[in-house]
PDB file of N, CA and C in Angstrom:
ATOM      1  N   UNK A   1      10.665 -36.965 -23.465  1.00  0.00           N
ATOM      2  CA  UNK A   1       9.544 -36.278 -22.843  1.00  0.00           C
ATOM      3  C   UNK A   1       9.978 -34.927 -22.268  1.00  0.00           C
ATOM      4  N   UNK A   2      11.133 -34.904 -21.583  1.00  0.00           N
ATOM      5  CA  UNK A   2      11.603 -33.661 -20.980  1.00  0.00           C
ATOM      6  C   UNK A   2      11.927 -32.596 -22.018  1.00  0.00           C
ATOM      7  N   UNK A   3      12.563 -33.002 -23.125  1.00  0.00           N
ATOM      8  CA  UNK A   3      12.897 -32.037 -24.180  1.00  0.00           C
ATOM      9  C   UNK A   3      11.627 -31.487 -24.816  1.00  0.00           C
ATOM     10  N   UNK A   4      10.666 -32.364 -25.084  1.00  0.00           N
ATOM     11  CA  UNK A   4       9.407 -31.917 -25.664  1.00  0.00           C
ATOM     12  C   UNK A   4       8.710 -30.930 -24.714  1.00  0.00           C
ATOM     13  N   UNK A   5       8.679 -31.271 -23.419  1.00  0.00           N
ATOM     14  CA  UNK A   5       8.034 -30.406 -22.424  1.00  0.00           C
ATOM     15  C   UNK A   5       8.678 -29.026 -22.425  1.00  0.00           C
ATOM     16  N   UNK A   6      10.015 -29.005 -22.483  1.00  0.00           N
ATOM     17  CA  UNK A   6      10.709 -27.714 -22.489  1.00  0.00           C
ATOM     18  C   UNK A   6      10.458 -26.962 -23.785  1.00  0.00           C
ATOM     19  N   UNK A   7      10.668 -27.617 -24.916  1.00  0.00           N
ATOM     20  CA  UNK A   7      10.576 -26.953 -26.226  1.00  0.00           C
ATOM     21  C   UNK A   7       9.159 -26.536 -26.588  1.00  0.00           C
ATOM     22  N   UNK A   8       8.184 -27.355 -26.284  1.00  0.00           N
ATOM     23  CA  UNK A   8       6.822 -27.125 -26.747  1.00  0.00           C
ATOM     24  C   UNK A   8       5.918 -26.450 -25.718  1.00  0.00           C
ATOM     25  N   UNK A   9       6.293 -26.480 -24.440  1.00  0.00           N
ATOM     26  CA  UNK A   9       5.389 -25.957 -23.415  1.00  0.00           C
ATOM     27  C   UNK A   9       6.045 -24.887 -22.531  1.00  0.00           C
ATOM     28  N   UNK A  10       7.100 -25.275 -21.841  1.00  0.00           N
ATOM     29  CA  UNK A  10       7.697 -24.364 -20.855  1.00  0.00           C
ATOM     30  C   UNK A  10       8.367 -23.155 -21.503  1.00  0.00           C
ATOM     31  N   UNK A  11       9.147 -23.369 -22.535  1.00  0.00           N
ATOM     32  CA  UNK A  11       9.850 -22.257 -23.188  1.00  0.00           C
ATOM     33  C   UNK A  11       8.865 -21.258 -23.808  1.00  0.00           C
ATOM     34  N   UNK A  12       7.829 -21.695 -24.548  1.00  0.00           N
ATOM     35  CA  UNK A  12       6.873 -20.722 -25.080  1.00  0.00           C
ATOM     36  C   UNK A  12       6.126 -19.942 -23.990  1.00  0.00           C
ATOM     37  N   UNK A  13       5.765 -20.617 -22.900  1.00  0.00           N
ATOM     38  CA  UNK A  13       5.089 -19.915 -21.798  1.00  0.00           C
ATOM     39  C   UNK A  13       6.031 -18.885 -21.172  1.00  0.00           C
ATOM     40  N   UNK A  14       7.293 -19.269 -20.968  1.00  0.00           N
ATOM     41  CA  UNK A  14       8.262 -18.341 -20.386  1.00  0.00           C
ATOM     42  C   UNK A  14       8.476 -17.141 -21.297  1.00  0.00           C
ATOM     43  N   UNK A  15       8.535 -17.368 -22.597  1.00  0.00           N
ATOM     44  CA  UNK A  15       8.710 -16.268 -23.550  1.00  0.00           C
ATOM     45  C   UNK A  15       7.504 -15.336 -23.514  1.00  0.00           C
ATOM     46  N   UNK A  16       6.316 -15.896 -23.474  1.00  0.00           N
ATOM     47  CA  UNK A  16       5.090 -15.102 -23.466  1.00  0.00           C
ATOM     48  C   UNK A  16       4.958 -14.304 -22.167  1.00  0.00           C
ATOM     49  N   UNK A  17       5.126 -14.975 -21.015  1.00  0.00           N
ATOM     50  CA  UNK A  17       4.988 -14.268 -19.738  1.00  0.00           C
ATOM     51  C   UNK A  17       6.119 -13.273 -19.534  1.00  0.00           C
ATOM     52  N   UNK A  18       7.313 -13.610 -20.013  1.00  0.00           N
ATOM     53  CA  UNK A  18       8.428 -12.659 -19.911  1.00  0.00           C
ATOM     54  C   UNK A  18       8.131 -11.384 -20.669  1.00  0.00           C
ATOM     55  N   UNK A  19       7.519 -11.519 -21.846  1.00  0.00           N
ATOM     56  CA  UNK A  19       7.134 -10.343 -22.622  1.00  0.00           C
ATOM     57  C   UNK A  19       6.085  -9.515 -21.917  1.00  0.00           C
ATOM     58  N   UNK A  20       5.145 -10.183 -21.264  1.00  0.00           N
ATOM     59  CA  UNK A  20       4.106  -9.459 -20.517  1.00  0.00           C
ATOM     60  C   UNK A  20       4.722  -8.701 -19.355  1.00  0.00           C
ATOM     61  N   UNK A  21       5.614  -9.352 -18.633  1.00  0.00           N
ATOM     62  CA  UNK A  21       6.245  -8.718 -17.473  1.00  0.00           C
ATOM     63  C   UNK A  21       7.081  -7.517 -17.912  1.00  0.00           C
ATOM     64  N   UNK A  22       7.846  -7.677 -18.972  1.00  0.00           N
ATOM     65  CA  UNK A  22       8.667  -6.574 -19.479  1.00  0.00           C
ATOM     66  C   UNK A  22       7.762  -5.413 -19.900  1.00  0.00           C
ATOM     67  N   UNK A  23       6.669  -5.715 -20.591  1.00  0.00           N
ATOM     68  CA  UNK A  23       5.733  -4.667 -21.001  1.00  0.00           C
ATOM     69  C   UNK A  23       5.119  -3.954 -19.809  1.00  0.00           C
ATOM     70  N   UNK A  24       4.745  -4.711 -18.780  1.00  0.00           N
ATOM     71  CA  UNK A  24       4.170  -4.111 -17.576  1.00  0.00           C
ATOM     72  C   UNK A  24       5.195  -3.221 -16.878  1.00  0.00           C
ATOM     73  N   UNK A  25       6.428  -3.697 -16.781  1.00  0.00           N
ATOM     74  CA  UNK A  25       7.469  -2.890 -16.140  1.00  0.00           C
ATOM     75  C   UNK A  25       7.754  -1.608 -16.919  1.00  0.00           C
ATOM     76  N   UNK A  26       7.698  -1.694 -18.252  1.00  0.00           N
ATOM     77  CA  UNK A  26       7.891  -0.485 -19.060  1.00  0.00           C
ATOM     78  C   UNK A  26       6.753   0.497 -18.826  1.00  0.00           C
ATOM     79  N   UNK A  27       5.538  -0.008 -18.699  1.00  0.00           N
ATOM     80  CA  UNK A  27       4.394   0.855 -18.408  1.00  0.00           C
ATOM     81  C   UNK A  27       4.516   1.525 -17.052  1.00  0.00           C
ATOM     82  N   UNK A  28       4.923   0.758 -16.044  1.00  0.00           N
ATOM     83  CA  UNK A  28       5.113   1.321 -14.703  1.00  0.00           C
ATOM     84  C   UNK A  28       6.216   2.369 -14.724  1.00  0.00           C
ATOM     85  N   UNK A  29       7.314   2.074 -15.416  1.00  0.00           N
ATOM     86  CA  UNK A  29       8.419   3.022 -15.523  1.00  0.00           C
ATOM     87  C   UNK A  29       7.969   4.310 -16.183  1.00  0.00           C
ATOM     88  N   UNK A  30       7.184   4.199 -17.230  1.00  0.00           N
ATOM     89  CA  UNK A  30       6.682   5.386 -17.925  1.00  0.00           C
ATOM     90  C   UNK A  30       5.787   6.214 -17.010  1.00  0.00           C
ATOM     91  N   UNK A  31       4.912   5.544 -16.265  1.00  0.00           N
ATOM     92  CA  UNK A  31       4.022   6.265 -15.345  1.00  0.00           C
ATOM     93  C   UNK A  31       4.816   6.964 -14.245  1.00  0.00           C
ATOM     94  N   UNK A  32       5.803   6.272 -13.682  1.00  0.00           N
ATOM     95  CA  UNK A  32       6.612   6.880 -12.622  1.00  0.00           C
ATOM     96  C   UNK A  32       7.438   8.046 -13.153  1.00  0.00           C
ATOM     97  N   UNK A  33       7.931   7.928 -14.386  1.00  0.00           N
ATOM     98  CA  UNK A  33       8.650   9.049 -14.987  1.00  0.00           C
ATOM     99  C   UNK A  33       7.724  10.244 -15.172  1.00  0.00           C
ATOM    100  N   UNK A  34       6.475   9.988 -15.562  1.00  0.00           N
ATOM    101  CA  UNK A  34       5.507  11.074 -15.704  1.00  0.00           C
ATOM    102  C   UNK A  34       5.232  11.764 -14.378  1.00  0.00           C
ATOM    103  N   UNK A  35       5.061  10.981 -13.315  1.00  0.00           N
ATOM    104  CA  UNK A  35       4.837  11.555 -11.982  1.00  0.00           C
ATOM    105  C   UNK A  35       6.063  12.350 -11.546  1.00  0.00           C
ATOM    106  N   UNK A  36       7.243  11.796 -11.776  1.00  0.00           N
ATOM    107  CA  UNK A  36       8.486  12.469 -11.404  1.00  0.00           C
ATOM    108  C   UNK A  36       8.638  13.802 -12.135  1.00  0.00           C
ATOM    109  N   UNK A  37       8.337  13.806 -13.422  1.00  0.00           N
ATOM    110  CA  UNK A  37       8.425  15.054 -14.189  1.00  0.00           C
ATOM    111  C   UNK A  37       7.424  16.084 -13.684  1.00  0.00           C
ATOM    112  N   UNK A  38       6.207  15.627 -13.361  1.00  0.00           N
ATOM    113  CA  UNK A  38       5.187  16.551 -12.857  1.00  0.00           C
ATOM    114  C   UNK A  38       5.642  17.157 -11.526  1.00  0.00           C
ATOM    115  N   UNK A  39       6.165  16.317 -10.637  1.00  0.00           N
ATOM    116  CA  UNK A  39       6.640  16.807  -9.337  1.00  0.00           C
ATOM    117  C   UNK A  39       7.787  17.794  -9.535  1.00  0.00           C
ATOM    118  N   UNK A  40       8.697  17.485 -10.454  1.00  0.00           N
ATOM    119  CA  UNK A  40       9.834  18.376 -10.721  1.00  0.00           C
ATOM    120  C   UNK A  40       9.340  19.739 -11.207  1.00  0.00           C
ATOM    121  N   UNK A  41       8.283  19.754 -12.005  1.00  0.00           N
ATOM    122  CA  UNK A  41       7.755  21.010 -12.541  1.00  0.00           C
ATOM    123  C   UNK A  41       6.823  21.741 -11.581  1.00  0.00           C
ATOM    124  N   UNK A  42       6.387  21.074 -10.508  1.00  0.00           N
ATOM    125  CA  UNK A  42       5.459  21.687  -9.547  1.00  0.00           C
ATOM    126  C   UNK A  42       5.955  21.488  -8.112  1.00  0.00           C
ATOM    127  N   UNK A  43       7.231  21.747  -7.890  1.00  0.00           N
ATOM    128  CA  UNK A  43       7.832  21.478  -6.580  1.00  0.00           C
ATOM    129  C   UNK A  43       7.169  22.270  -5.466  1.00  0.00           C
ATOM    130  N   UNK A  44       6.846  23.517  -5.712  1.00  0.00           N
ATOM    131  CA  UNK A  44       6.245  24.342  -4.665  1.00  0.00           C
ATOM    132  C   UNK A  44       4.900  23.773  -4.250  1.00  0.00           C
ATOM    133  N   UNK A  45       4.085  23.380  -5.211  1.00  0.00           N
ATOM    134  CA  UNK A  45       2.774  22.812  -4.890  1.00  0.00           C
ATOM    135  C   UNK A  45       2.925  21.507  -4.098  1.00  0.00           C
ATOM    136  N   UNK A  46       3.870  20.677  -4.482  1.00  0.00           N
ATOM    137  CA  UNK A  46       4.086  19.410  -3.778  1.00  0.00           C
ATOM    138  C   UNK A  46       4.570  19.675  -2.350  1.00  0.00           C
ATOM    139  N   UNK A  47       5.472  20.626  -2.182  1.00  0.00           N
ATOM    140  CA  UNK A  47       5.955  20.968  -0.845  1.00  0.00           C
ATOM    141  C   UNK A  47       4.816  21.502   0.017  1.00  0.00           C
ATOM    142  N   UNK A  48       3.980  22.374  -0.546  1.00  0.00           N
ATOM    143  CA  UNK A  48       2.845  22.914   0.209  1.00  0.00           C
ATOM    144  C   UNK A  48       1.869  21.807   0.594  1.00  0.00           C
ATOM    145  N   UNK A  49       1.622  20.879  -0.323  1.00  0.00           N
ATOM    146  CA  UNK A  49       0.740  19.754  -0.032  1.00  0.00           C
ATOM    147  C   UNK A  49       1.318  18.899   1.095  1.00  0.00           C
ATOM    148  N   UNK A  50       2.624  18.672   1.067  1.00  0.00           N
ATOM    149  CA  UNK A  50       3.264  17.884   2.123  1.00  0.00           C
ATOM    150  C   UNK A  50       3.140  18.577   3.473  1.00  0.00           C
ATOM    151  N   UNK A  51       3.260  19.904   3.485  1.00  0.00           N
ATOM    152  CA  UNK A  51       3.109  20.652   4.734  1.00  0.00           C
ATOM    153  C   UNK A  51       1.676  20.522   5.259  1.00  0.00           C
ATOM    154  N   UNK A  52       0.699  20.626   4.367  1.00  0.00           N
ATOM    155  CA  UNK A  52      -0.704  20.507   4.777  1.00  0.00           C
ATOM    156  C   UNK A  52      -0.980  19.118   5.346  1.00  0.00           C
ATOM    157  N   UNK A  53      -0.511  18.086   4.658  1.00  0.00           N
ATOM    158  CA  UNK A  53      -0.736  16.720   5.134  1.00  0.00           C
ATOM    159  C   UNK A  53      -0.042  16.503   6.479  1.00  0.00           C
ATOM    160  N   UNK A  54       1.175  16.988   6.618  1.00  0.00           N
ATOM    161  CA  UNK A  54       1.890  16.855   7.887  1.00  0.00           C
ATOM    162  C   UNK A  54       1.200  17.608   9.013  1.00  0.00           C
ATOM    163  N   UNK A  55       0.687  18.793   8.706  1.00  0.00           N
ATOM    164  CA  UNK A  55      -0.017  19.581   9.716  1.00  0.00           C
ATOM    165  C   UNK A  55      -1.295  18.873  10.159  1.00  0.00           C
ATOM    166  N   UNK A  56      -2.056  18.358   9.200  1.00  0.00           N
ATOM    167  CA  UNK A  56      -3.281  17.634   9.553  1.00  0.00           C
ATOM    168  C   UNK A  56      -2.967  16.394  10.383  1.00  0.00           C
ATOM    169  N   UNK A  57      -1.932  15.666   9.994  1.00  0.00           N
ATOM    170  CA  UNK A  57      -1.541  14.491  10.768  1.00  0.00           C
ATOM    171  C   UNK A  57      -1.146  14.850  12.191  1.00  0.00           C
ATOM    172  N   UNK A  58      -0.404  15.928  12.343  1.00  0.00           N
ATOM    173  CA  UNK A  58      -0.011  16.379  13.677  1.00  0.00           C
ATOM    174  C   UNK A  58      -1.229  16.800  14.484  1.00  0.00           C
ATOM    175  N   UNK A  59      -2.171  17.504  13.835  1.00  0.00           N
ATOM    176  CA  UNK A  59      -3.370  17.950  14.534  1.00  0.00           C
ATOM    177  C   UNK A  59      -4.191  16.751  15.031  1.00  0.00           C
ATOM    178  N   UNK A  60      -4.331  15.735  14.188  1.00  0.00           N
ATOM    179  CA  UNK A  60      -5.066  14.542  14.614  1.00  0.00           C
ATOM    180  C   UNK A  60      -4.348  13.833  15.761  1.00  0.00           C
ATOM    181  N   UNK A  61      -3.035  13.754  15.699  1.00  0.00           N
ATOM    182  CA  UNK A  61      -2.275  13.098  16.760  1.00  0.00           C
ATOM    183  C   UNK A  61      -2.413  13.856  18.075  1.00  0.00           C
ATOM    184  N   UNK A  62      -2.290  15.174  18.009  1.00  0.00           N
ATOM    185  CA  UNK A  62      -2.404  15.992  19.227  1.00  0.00           C
ATOM    186  C   UNK A  62      -3.809  15.898  19.796  1.00  0.00           C
ATOM    187  N   UNK A  63      -4.840  15.919  18.924  1.00  0.00           N
ATOM    188  CA  UNK A  63      -6.209  15.820  19.430  1.00  0.00           C
ATOM    189  C   UNK A  63      -6.447  14.469  20.087  1.00  0.00           C
ATOM    190  N   UNK A  64      -5.833  13.415  19.559  1.00  0.00           N
ATOM    191  CA  UNK A  64      -5.951  12.101  20.177  1.00  0.00           C
ATOM    192  C   UNK A  64      -5.301  12.059  21.554  1.00  0.00           C
ATOM    193  N   UNK A  65      -4.161  12.706  21.676  1.00  0.00           N
ATOM    194  CA  UNK A  65      -3.483  12.763  22.981  1.00  0.00           C
ATOM    195  C   UNK A  65      -4.335  13.539  23.978  1.00  0.00           C
ATOM    196  N   UNK A  66      -4.842  14.682  23.544  1.00  0.00           N
ATOM    197  CA  UNK A  66      -5.678  15.500  24.433  1.00  0.00           C
ATOM    198  C   UNK A  66      -6.929  14.724  24.836  1.00  0.00           C
ATOM    199  N   UNK A  67      -7.556  14.052  23.899  1.00  0.00           N
ATOM    200  CA  UNK A  67      -8.750  13.279  24.207  1.00  0.00           C
ATOM    201  C   UNK A  67      -8.422  12.177  25.219  1.00  0.00           C
ATOM    202  N   UNK A  68      -7.295  11.516  25.041  1.00  0.00           N
ATOM    203  CA  UNK A  68      -6.899  10.481  25.986  1.00  0.00           C
ATOM    204  C   UNK A  68      -6.678  11.028  27.380  1.00  0.00           C
ATOM    205  N   UNK A  69      -6.064  12.192  27.485  1.00  0.00           N
ATOM    206  CA  UNK A  69      -5.838  12.815  28.792  1.00  0.00           C
ATOM    207  C   UNK A  69      -7.162  13.197  29.426  1.00  0.00           C
ATOM    208  N   UNK A  70      -8.047  13.826  28.655  1.00  0.00           N
ATOM    209  CA  UNK A  70      -9.335  14.276  29.190  1.00  0.00           C
ATOM    210  C   UNK A  70     -10.169  13.080  29.655  1.00  0.00           C
ATOM    211  N   UNK A  71     -10.142  11.997  28.918  1.00  0.00           N
ATOM    212  CA  UNK A  71     -10.949  10.823  29.284  1.00  0.00           C
ATOM    213  C   UNK A  71     -10.377  10.133  30.519  1.00  0.00           C
ATOM    214  N   UNK A  72      -9.060  10.041  30.611  1.00  0.00           N
ATOM    215  CA  UNK A  72      -8.460   9.267  31.692  1.00  0.00           C
ATOM    216  C   UNK A  72      -8.114  10.085  32.930  1.00  0.00           C
ATOM    217  N   UNK A  73      -8.065  11.390  32.837  1.00  0.00           N
ATOM    218  CA  UNK A  73      -7.698  12.221  33.988  1.00  0.00           C
ATOM    219  C   UNK A  73      -8.676  12.066  35.151  1.00  0.00           C
ATOM    220  N   UNK A  74      -9.985  12.090  34.944  1.00  0.00           N
ATOM    221  CA  UNK A  74     -10.894  11.903  36.089  1.00  0.00           C
ATOM    222  C   UNK A  74     -10.698  10.545  36.766  1.00  0.00           C
ATOM    223  N   UNK A  75     -10.438   9.498  36.022  1.00  0.00           N
ATOM    224  CA  UNK A  75     -10.215   8.175  36.609  1.00  0.00           C
ATOM    225  C   UNK A  75      -8.916   8.149  37.395  1.00  0.00           C
ATOM    226  N   UNK A  76      -7.910   8.820  36.905  1.00  0.00           N
ATOM    227  CA  UNK A  76      -6.626   8.855  37.596  1.00  0.00           C
ATOM    228  C   UNK A  76      -6.764   9.587  38.927  1.00  0.00           C
ATOM    229  N   UNK A  77      -7.516  10.709  38.918  1.00  0.00           N
ATOM    230  CA  UNK A  77      -7.710  11.470  40.149  1.00  0.00           C
ATOM    231  C   UNK A  77      -8.469  10.654  41.189  1.00  0.00           C
ATOM    232  N   UNK A  78      -9.481   9.906  40.774  1.00  0.00           N
ATOM    233  CA  UNK A  78     -10.253   9.103  41.716  1.00  0.00           C
ATOM    234  C   UNK A  78      -9.397   8.007  42.331  1.00  0.00           C
ATOM    235  N   UNK A  79      -8.482   7.453  41.582  1.00  0.00           N
ATOM    236  CA  UNK A  79      -7.617   6.396  42.102  1.00  0.00           C
ATOM    237  C   UNK A  79      -6.619   6.958  43.115  1.00  0.00           C
ATOM    238  N   UNK A  80      -6.256   8.217  42.982  1.00  0.00           N
ATOM    239  CA  UNK A  80      -5.274   8.811  43.869  1.00  0.00           C
ATOM    240  C   UNK A  80      -5.868   9.205  45.215  1.00  0.00           C
ATOM    241  N   UNK A  81      -7.176   9.426  45.284  1.00  0.00           N
ATOM    242  CA  UNK A  81      -7.826   9.843  46.518  1.00  0.00           C
ATOM    243  C   UNK A  81      -8.159   8.591  47.330  1.00  0.00           C
ATOM    244  N   UNK A  82      -7.702   8.584  48.593  1.00  0.00           N
ATOM    245  CA  UNK A  82      -7.964   7.422  49.463  1.00  0.00           C
ATOM    246  C   UNK A  82      -8.773   7.833  50.654  1.00  0.00           C
TER     247      UNK A  82
END
C-alpha cells in the first residue's frame, strides 16, 4: 500500500507541484530582473522619486507632531494653572 501510494499518488503530485513552483519562481525572477534593469537605466528618476516620497513622509510626520502640540497645549496650560 505504501509503495503504491508513493508511486501512483505522492510522487506524481510532487513532480507536478514542483514544476509549478519552479515555473512561478522563474516568472518572479524574470519580473524582478526587469524591474532591476529599469531602475539601473533610470537611476536619476528613481532617486528623485525617493526624495519626493521621503519629503512627503516627513511633511506628514511633522504636521502630525504640530497638530498634536496644538491640540494638547491648551489642556497642558490649564492643568498647570492652580
